[in-house]
Amino acid sequence: MRDHVRILGYLHIVLSGLGILGALAVLLVFGGAVGLVGMTNPPHSDAWRIGIPVIGVVGTAIAALVLLLSVPGLIAGVGLLKFRPWARLLTIVLSALNLVNVPVGTALGIYGLWVLLQAETERLFDQAPRPYGAGPA
């Protein structure tokens, strides 16, 4: 099961990294749209007063949402590679939420739940080293 946990960690890191790249691409596209609207319209037109702020806010909101959804997966993936007990719980929650993201999220969610809900996997995370001074669990 140790290999499955590592694979799951790498999958979360890769897919979250793609999500972060997607958020940057959204910012680039919407920034380009703002630039085009600004270049093709006179400075005090309705496009400048209404269009540019709306395009900027929508682009920023979409990018922020994608980042908000991607960062926990990145954190969980790194934690899984280090066999941190909190990463197991976080990834179980993320796997359950991923089930509605057809088809890639569903596959990742099923695989994540299968890997992390095994008794052998639970023992792997119980044996993880604890920070100094944490005392017995």
N, C-alpha and C. Protein backbone atom coordinates (compact mmCIF):
# COMPACT_ATOMS: atom_id res chain seq x y z
N MET A 1 0.81 -1.21 0.00
CA MET A 1 0.00 0.00 0.00
C MET A 1 0.85 1.27 0.00
N ARG A 2 2.07 1.15 0.46
CA ARG A 2 2.97 2.31 0.50
C ARG A 2 3.13 2.91 -0.91
N ASP A 3 3.27 2.06 -1.91
CA ASP A 3 3.41 2.55 -3.28
C ASP A 3 2.14 3.23 -3.77
N HIS A 4 0.99 2.70 -3.39
CA HIS A 4 -0.28 3.32 -3.79
C HIS A 4 -0.44 4.71 -3.16
N VAL A 5 -0.01 4.85 -1.92
CA VAL A 5 -0.09 6.15 -1.26
C VAL A 5 0.82 7.15 -1.98
N ARG A 6 1.99 6.71 -2.36
CA ARG A 6 2.91 7.60 -3.08
C ARG A 6 2.34 7.99 -4.45
N ILE A 7 1.78 7.01 -5.15
CA ILE A 7 1.16 7.30 -6.46
C ILE A 7 0.04 8.31 -6.28
N LEU A 8 -0.79 8.11 -5.27
CA LEU A 8 -1.89 9.03 -5.00
C LEU A 8 -1.36 10.43 -4.69
N GLY A 9 -0.29 10.51 -3.92
CA GLY A 9 0.33 11.80 -3.62
C GLY A 9 0.82 12.50 -4.87
N TYR A 10 1.50 11.76 -5.73
CA TYR A 10 1.99 12.35 -6.99
C TYR A 10 0.83 12.77 -7.89
N LEU A 11 -0.23 11.97 -7.95
CA LEU A 11 -1.39 12.35 -8.76
C LEU A 11 -2.00 13.65 -8.27
N HIS A 12 -2.13 13.80 -6.96
CA HIS A 12 -2.69 15.04 -6.42
C HIS A 12 -1.78 16.23 -6.72
N ILE A 13 -0.48 16.04 -6.61
CA ILE A 13 0.46 17.13 -6.90
C ILE A 13 0.37 17.53 -8.37
N VAL A 14 0.36 16.55 -9.26
CA VAL A 14 0.32 16.85 -10.70
C VAL A 14 -0.99 17.53 -11.08
N LEU A 15 -2.11 16.97 -10.63
CA LEU A 15 -3.39 17.56 -11.01
C LEU A 15 -3.59 18.94 -10.38
N SER A 16 -3.10 19.13 -9.18
CA SER A 16 -3.19 20.46 -8.56
C SER A 16 -2.28 21.45 -9.27
N GLY A 17 -1.11 20.98 -9.69
CA GLY A 17 -0.22 21.84 -10.46
C GLY A 17 -0.86 22.26 -11.78
N LEU A 18 -1.56 21.33 -12.42
CA LEU A 18 -2.28 21.68 -13.65
C LEU A 18 -3.39 22.70 -13.37
N GLY A 19 -4.05 22.55 -12.23
CA GLY A 19 -5.07 23.53 -11.85
C GLY A 19 -4.48 24.91 -11.63
N ILE A 20 -3.32 24.97 -11.00
CA ILE A 20 -2.66 26.26 -10.77
C ILE A 20 -2.23 26.87 -12.11
N LEU A 21 -1.70 26.05 -13.00
CA LEU A 21 -1.36 26.55 -14.34
C LEU A 21 -2.61 27.04 -15.07
N GLY A 22 -3.73 26.33 -14.89
CA GLY A 22 -4.99 26.76 -15.49
C GLY A 22 -5.44 28.11 -14.96
N ALA A 23 -5.25 28.34 -13.66
CA ALA A 23 -5.61 29.63 -13.07
C ALA A 23 -4.75 30.75 -13.65
N LEU A 24 -3.47 30.48 -13.85
CA LEU A 24 -2.60 31.48 -14.47
C LEU A 24 -3.01 31.74 -15.92
N ALA A 25 -3.43 30.68 -16.62
CA ALA A 25 -3.89 30.85 -18.00
C ALA A 25 -5.16 31.69 -18.05
N VAL A 26 -6.06 31.50 -17.10
CA VAL A 26 -7.28 32.30 -17.03
C VAL A 26 -6.93 33.77 -16.83
N LEU A 27 -5.99 34.04 -15.93
CA LEU A 27 -5.56 35.42 -15.72
C LEU A 27 -4.97 36.02 -16.99
N LEU A 28 -4.19 35.22 -17.71
CA LEU A 28 -3.58 35.70 -18.94
C LEU A 28 -4.64 35.99 -20.01
N VAL A 29 -5.60 35.10 -20.16
CA VAL A 29 -6.66 35.29 -21.17
C VAL A 29 -7.52 36.50 -20.84
N PHE A 30 -7.95 36.60 -19.60
CA PHE A 30 -8.80 37.72 -19.23
C PHE A 30 -8.02 39.04 -19.24
N GLY A 31 -6.74 39.00 -18.88
CA GLY A 31 -5.91 40.19 -18.98
C GLY A 31 -5.75 40.63 -20.42
N GLY A 32 -5.60 39.66 -21.33
CA GLY A 32 -5.54 39.98 -22.74
C GLY A 32 -6.85 40.57 -23.25
N ALA A 33 -7.97 40.04 -22.75
CA ALA A 33 -9.28 40.57 -23.15
C ALA A 33 -9.44 42.01 -22.68
N VAL A 34 -8.99 42.30 -21.48
CA VAL A 34 -9.05 43.68 -20.97
C VAL A 34 -8.18 44.59 -21.85
N GLY A 35 -7.01 44.12 -22.21
CA GLY A 35 -6.14 44.90 -23.07
C GLY A 35 -6.75 45.17 -24.44
N LEU A 36 -7.38 44.16 -25.02
CA LEU A 36 -8.02 44.34 -26.32
C LEU A 36 -9.19 45.32 -26.25
N VAL A 37 -10.01 45.19 -25.21
CA VAL A 37 -11.14 46.12 -25.05
C VAL A 37 -10.61 47.54 -24.87
N GLY A 38 -9.55 47.68 -24.10
CA GLY A 38 -8.99 49.01 -23.87
C GLY A 38 -8.38 49.61 -25.12
N MET A 39 -7.77 48.78 -25.96
CA MET A 39 -7.12 49.29 -27.17
C MET A 39 -8.12 49.62 -28.28
N THR A 40 -9.24 48.94 -28.31
CA THR A 40 -10.17 49.11 -29.43
C THR A 40 -11.30 50.07 -29.14
N ASN A 41 -11.34 50.67 -27.98
CA ASN A 41 -12.41 51.59 -27.63
C ASN A 41 -11.83 52.91 -27.13
N PRO A 42 -12.57 54.00 -27.37
CA PRO A 42 -12.09 55.30 -26.87
C PRO A 42 -12.06 55.32 -25.34
N PRO A 43 -11.18 56.10 -24.74
CA PRO A 43 -10.95 56.07 -23.29
C PRO A 43 -12.17 56.33 -22.40
N HIS A 44 -13.15 57.09 -22.82
CA HIS A 44 -14.27 57.38 -21.92
C HIS A 44 -15.56 56.74 -22.39
N SER A 45 -15.46 55.61 -23.08
CA SER A 45 -16.66 54.92 -23.58
C SER A 45 -17.22 54.00 -22.51
N ASP A 46 -18.38 53.41 -22.82
CA ASP A 46 -19.00 52.46 -21.88
C ASP A 46 -18.12 51.22 -21.69
N ALA A 47 -17.39 50.84 -22.72
CA ALA A 47 -16.50 49.69 -22.61
C ALA A 47 -15.44 49.93 -21.54
N TRP A 48 -14.94 51.15 -21.45
CA TRP A 48 -13.94 51.46 -20.43
C TRP A 48 -14.56 51.53 -19.05
N ARG A 49 -15.73 52.12 -18.94
CA ARG A 49 -16.35 52.31 -17.62
C ARG A 49 -16.95 51.02 -17.08
N ILE A 50 -17.53 50.20 -17.95
CA ILE A 50 -18.26 49.01 -17.50
C ILE A 50 -17.53 47.72 -17.87
N GLY A 51 -17.15 47.61 -19.14
CA GLY A 51 -16.60 46.35 -19.65
C GLY A 51 -15.30 45.93 -19.02
N ILE A 52 -14.35 46.84 -18.93
CA ILE A 52 -13.04 46.49 -18.41
C ILE A 52 -13.10 46.04 -16.94
N PRO A 53 -13.81 46.76 -16.07
CA PRO A 53 -13.89 46.27 -14.68
C PRO A 53 -14.61 44.93 -14.56
N VAL A 54 -15.67 44.72 -15.36
CA VAL A 54 -16.40 43.46 -15.29
C VAL A 54 -15.52 42.30 -15.75
N ILE A 55 -14.83 42.48 -16.86
CA ILE A 55 -13.93 41.43 -17.35
C ILE A 55 -12.83 41.14 -16.33
N GLY A 56 -12.28 42.17 -15.73
CA GLY A 56 -11.23 41.99 -14.72
C GLY A 56 -11.72 41.26 -13.49
N VAL A 57 -12.90 41.62 -13.00
CA VAL A 57 -13.45 40.97 -11.80
C VAL A 57 -13.79 39.51 -12.08
N VAL A 58 -14.42 39.25 -13.24
CA VAL A 58 -14.78 37.87 -13.57
C VAL A 58 -13.53 37.01 -13.73
N GLY A 59 -12.52 37.51 -14.43
CA GLY A 59 -11.28 36.75 -14.60
C GLY A 59 -10.59 36.48 -13.27
N THR A 60 -10.53 37.47 -12.43
CA THR A 60 -9.91 37.30 -11.12
C THR A 60 -10.69 36.31 -10.26
N ALA A 61 -12.02 36.38 -10.30
CA ALA A 61 -12.85 35.47 -9.51
C ALA A 61 -12.66 34.02 -9.98
N ILE A 62 -12.64 33.81 -11.28
CA ILE A 62 -12.45 32.45 -11.80
C ILE A 62 -11.07 31.92 -11.40
N ALA A 63 -10.04 32.73 -11.57
CA ALA A 63 -8.69 32.30 -11.22
C ALA A 63 -8.58 32.01 -9.71
N ALA A 64 -9.19 32.84 -8.89
CA ALA A 64 -9.15 32.63 -7.44
C ALA A 64 -9.87 31.35 -7.06
N LEU A 65 -11.00 31.06 -7.71
CA LEU A 65 -11.74 29.84 -7.42
C LEU A 65 -10.92 28.60 -7.80
N VAL A 66 -10.30 28.64 -8.97
CA VAL A 66 -9.48 27.50 -9.39
C VAL A 66 -8.30 27.32 -8.44
N LEU A 67 -7.67 28.40 -8.02
CA LEU A 67 -6.58 28.30 -7.04
C LEU A 67 -7.07 27.75 -5.71
N LEU A 68 -8.22 28.22 -5.27
CA LEU A 68 -8.80 27.76 -4.01
C LEU A 68 -9.08 26.26 -4.04
N LEU A 69 -9.46 25.75 -5.20
CA LEU A 69 -9.74 24.32 -5.33
C LEU A 69 -8.47 23.50 -5.56
N SER A 70 -7.42 24.11 -6.06
CA SER A 70 -6.19 23.37 -6.39
C SER A 70 -5.19 23.29 -5.25
N VAL A 71 -5.09 24.32 -4.46
CA VAL A 71 -4.06 24.36 -3.41
C VAL A 71 -4.24 23.25 -2.36
N PRO A 72 -5.46 22.94 -1.90
CA PRO A 72 -5.57 21.84 -0.93
C PRO A 72 -5.07 20.50 -1.47
N GLY A 73 -5.28 20.24 -2.76
CA GLY A 73 -4.78 19.00 -3.35
C GLY A 73 -3.26 18.96 -3.37
N LEU A 74 -2.65 20.10 -3.62
CA LEU A 74 -1.19 20.19 -3.61
C LEU A 74 -0.65 19.92 -2.20
N ILE A 75 -1.28 20.53 -1.23
CA ILE A 75 -0.87 20.34 0.17
C ILE A 75 -1.07 18.88 0.58
N ALA A 76 -2.21 18.30 0.20
CA ALA A 76 -2.49 16.91 0.54
C ALA A 76 -1.49 15.97 -0.12
N GLY A 77 -1.14 16.23 -1.38
CA GLY A 77 -0.18 15.38 -2.07
C GLY A 77 1.19 15.38 -1.41
N VAL A 78 1.66 16.55 -1.02
CA VAL A 78 2.95 16.64 -0.33
C VAL A 78 2.87 15.92 1.01
N GLY A 79 1.78 16.11 1.72
CA GLY A 79 1.60 15.42 3.01
C GLY A 79 1.55 13.91 2.86
N LEU A 80 0.91 13.42 1.79
CA LEU A 80 0.86 11.97 1.56
C LEU A 80 2.25 11.41 1.31
N LEU A 81 3.07 12.13 0.57
CA LEU A 81 4.43 11.64 0.31
C LEU A 81 5.26 11.55 1.58
N LYS A 82 4.90 12.35 2.59
CA LYS A 82 5.61 12.32 3.88
C LYS A 82 4.87 11.47 4.91
N PHE A 83 3.76 10.83 4.50
CA PHE A 83 2.95 9.97 5.35
C PHE A 83 2.49 10.67 6.63
N ARG A 84 2.00 11.89 6.46
CA ARG A 84 1.46 12.65 7.59
C ARG A 84 0.01 12.23 7.83
N PRO A 85 -0.37 11.97 9.08
CA PRO A 85 -1.75 11.55 9.37
C PRO A 85 -2.80 12.57 8.93
N TRP A 86 -2.52 13.87 9.05
CA TRP A 86 -3.49 14.88 8.63
C TRP A 86 -3.71 14.84 7.12
N ALA A 87 -2.68 14.44 6.37
CA ALA A 87 -2.81 14.38 4.91
C ALA A 87 -3.76 13.25 4.51
N ARG A 88 -3.76 12.17 5.26
CA ARG A 88 -4.69 11.08 4.97
C ARG A 88 -6.12 11.57 5.12
N LEU A 89 -6.41 12.26 6.21
CA LEU A 89 -7.78 12.77 6.43
C LEU A 89 -8.16 13.81 5.39
N LEU A 90 -7.26 14.72 5.09
CA LEU A 90 -7.53 15.74 4.08
C LEU A 90 -7.79 15.10 2.72
N THR A 91 -7.01 14.10 2.37
CA THR A 91 -7.18 13.46 1.07
C THR A 91 -8.46 12.63 1.01
N ILE A 92 -8.88 12.06 2.10
CA ILE A 92 -10.17 11.35 2.12
C ILE A 92 -11.30 12.34 1.82
N VAL A 93 -11.25 13.51 2.44
CA VAL A 93 -12.27 14.53 2.18
C VAL A 93 -12.20 14.99 0.72
N LEU A 94 -11.00 15.28 0.23
CA LEU A 94 -10.84 15.71 -1.16
C LEU A 94 -11.29 14.62 -2.14
N SER A 95 -11.01 13.37 -1.82
CA SER A 95 -11.42 12.27 -2.69
C SER A 95 -12.94 12.17 -2.76
N ALA A 96 -13.60 12.35 -1.63
CA ALA A 96 -15.06 12.33 -1.63
C ALA A 96 -15.62 13.49 -2.45
N LEU A 97 -15.01 14.66 -2.33
CA LEU A 97 -15.47 15.82 -3.11
C LEU A 97 -15.17 15.64 -4.60
N ASN A 98 -14.07 14.96 -4.93
CA ASN A 98 -13.69 14.75 -6.32
C ASN A 98 -14.63 13.81 -7.06
N LEU A 99 -15.42 13.04 -6.34
CA LEU A 99 -16.30 12.07 -7.00
C LEU A 99 -17.26 12.72 -7.98
N VAL A 100 -17.61 13.99 -7.78
CA VAL A 100 -18.55 14.66 -8.68
C VAL A 100 -17.87 15.27 -9.90
N ASN A 101 -16.54 15.28 -9.94
CA ASN A 101 -15.80 15.85 -11.07
C ASN A 101 -15.53 14.77 -12.12
N VAL A 102 -16.52 14.52 -12.96
CA VAL A 102 -16.44 13.46 -13.96
C VAL A 102 -15.52 13.91 -15.08
N PRO A 103 -14.70 13.09 -15.66
CA PRO A 103 -14.34 11.70 -15.35
C PRO A 103 -13.06 11.58 -14.52
N VAL A 104 -12.13 12.55 -14.63
CA VAL A 104 -10.83 12.41 -13.98
C VAL A 104 -10.97 12.48 -12.46
N GLY A 105 -11.76 13.43 -11.97
CA GLY A 105 -11.95 13.55 -10.53
C GLY A 105 -12.62 12.33 -9.93
N THR A 106 -13.56 11.75 -10.66
CA THR A 106 -14.24 10.55 -10.18
C THR A 106 -13.25 9.40 -10.04
N ALA A 107 -12.40 9.22 -11.06
CA ALA A 107 -11.40 8.15 -11.00
C ALA A 107 -10.42 8.40 -9.85
N LEU A 108 -9.97 9.63 -9.70
CA LEU A 108 -9.05 9.95 -8.61
C LEU A 108 -9.72 9.78 -7.25
N GLY A 109 -10.98 10.17 -7.15
CA GLY A 109 -11.71 10.02 -5.89
C GLY A 109 -11.89 8.56 -5.50
N ILE A 110 -12.28 7.72 -6.47
CA ILE A 110 -12.45 6.29 -6.18
C ILE A 110 -11.13 5.67 -5.77
N TYR A 111 -10.07 5.98 -6.53
CA TYR A 111 -8.75 5.43 -6.21
C TYR A 111 -8.28 5.91 -4.83
N GLY A 112 -8.48 7.20 -4.56
CA GLY A 112 -8.07 7.74 -3.27
C GLY A 112 -8.79 7.11 -2.11
N LEU A 113 -10.10 6.94 -2.24
CA LEU A 113 -10.86 6.30 -1.16
C LEU A 113 -10.46 4.84 -0.99
N TRP A 114 -10.23 4.16 -2.11
CA TRP A 114 -9.81 2.76 -2.02
C TRP A 114 -8.47 2.64 -1.30
N VAL A 115 -7.53 3.49 -1.64
CA VAL A 115 -6.20 3.42 -1.04
C VAL A 115 -6.24 3.81 0.43
N LEU A 116 -6.90 4.90 0.75
CA LEU A 116 -6.79 5.48 2.09
C LEU A 116 -7.69 4.84 3.13
N LEU A 117 -8.70 4.09 2.70
CA LEU A 117 -9.60 3.47 3.66
C LEU A 117 -9.24 2.02 3.97
N GLN A 118 -8.10 1.55 3.48
CA GLN A 118 -7.61 0.21 3.80
C GLN A 118 -6.99 0.21 5.19
N ALA A 119 -7.14 -0.91 5.90
CA ALA A 119 -6.57 -1.02 7.24
C ALA A 119 -5.04 -0.93 7.20
N GLU A 120 -4.44 -1.51 6.17
CA GLU A 120 -2.98 -1.45 6.03
C GLU A 120 -2.48 -0.02 5.86
N THR A 121 -3.23 0.77 5.11
CA THR A 121 -2.85 2.18 4.91
C THR A 121 -2.98 2.95 6.22
N GLU A 122 -4.01 2.68 6.97
CA GLU A 122 -4.19 3.36 8.26
C GLU A 122 -3.00 3.06 9.18
N ARG A 123 -2.52 1.83 9.15
CA ARG A 123 -1.35 1.48 9.97
C ARG A 123 -0.10 2.22 9.48
N LEU A 124 0.03 2.40 8.16
CA LEU A 124 1.17 3.15 7.64
C LEU A 124 1.23 4.56 8.20
N PHE A 125 0.08 5.19 8.27
CA PHE A 125 0.04 6.58 8.76
C PHE A 125 0.14 6.64 10.27
N ASP A 126 -0.23 5.58 10.97
CA ASP A 126 -0.06 5.56 12.43
C ASP A 126 1.41 5.42 12.80
N GLN A 127 2.22 4.80 11.91
CA GLN A 127 3.63 4.61 12.19
C GLN A 127 4.48 5.80 11.77
N ALA A 128 3.85 6.82 11.20
CA ALA A 128 4.60 7.99 10.75
C ALA A 128 5.29 8.66 11.94
N PRO A 129 6.49 9.18 11.75
CA PRO A 129 7.19 9.83 12.86
C PRO A 129 6.44 11.07 13.36
N ARG A 130 6.42 11.21 14.65
CA ARG A 130 5.73 12.36 15.26
C ARG A 130 6.76 13.44 15.58
N PRO A 131 6.33 14.70 15.57
CA PRO A 131 7.28 15.78 15.92
C PRO A 131 7.80 15.63 17.34
N TYR A 132 8.98 16.15 17.56
CA TYR A 132 9.60 16.07 18.88
C TYR A 132 8.71 16.77 19.90
N GLY A 133 8.49 16.11 21.02
CA GLY A 133 7.69 16.70 22.10
C GLY A 133 6.20 16.50 21.93
N ALA A 134 5.77 15.77 20.90
CA ALA A 134 4.33 15.60 20.67
C ALA A 134 3.74 14.60 21.64
N GLY A 135 4.56 13.74 22.21
CA GLY A 135 4.07 12.76 23.16
C GLY A 135 3.38 11.61 22.47
N PRO A 136 2.87 10.68 23.25
CA PRO A 136 2.19 9.51 22.65
C PRO A 136 0.86 9.93 22.01
N ALA A 137 0.48 9.16 21.00
CA ALA A 137 -0.77 9.47 20.29
C ALA A 137 -1.95 8.85 20.97
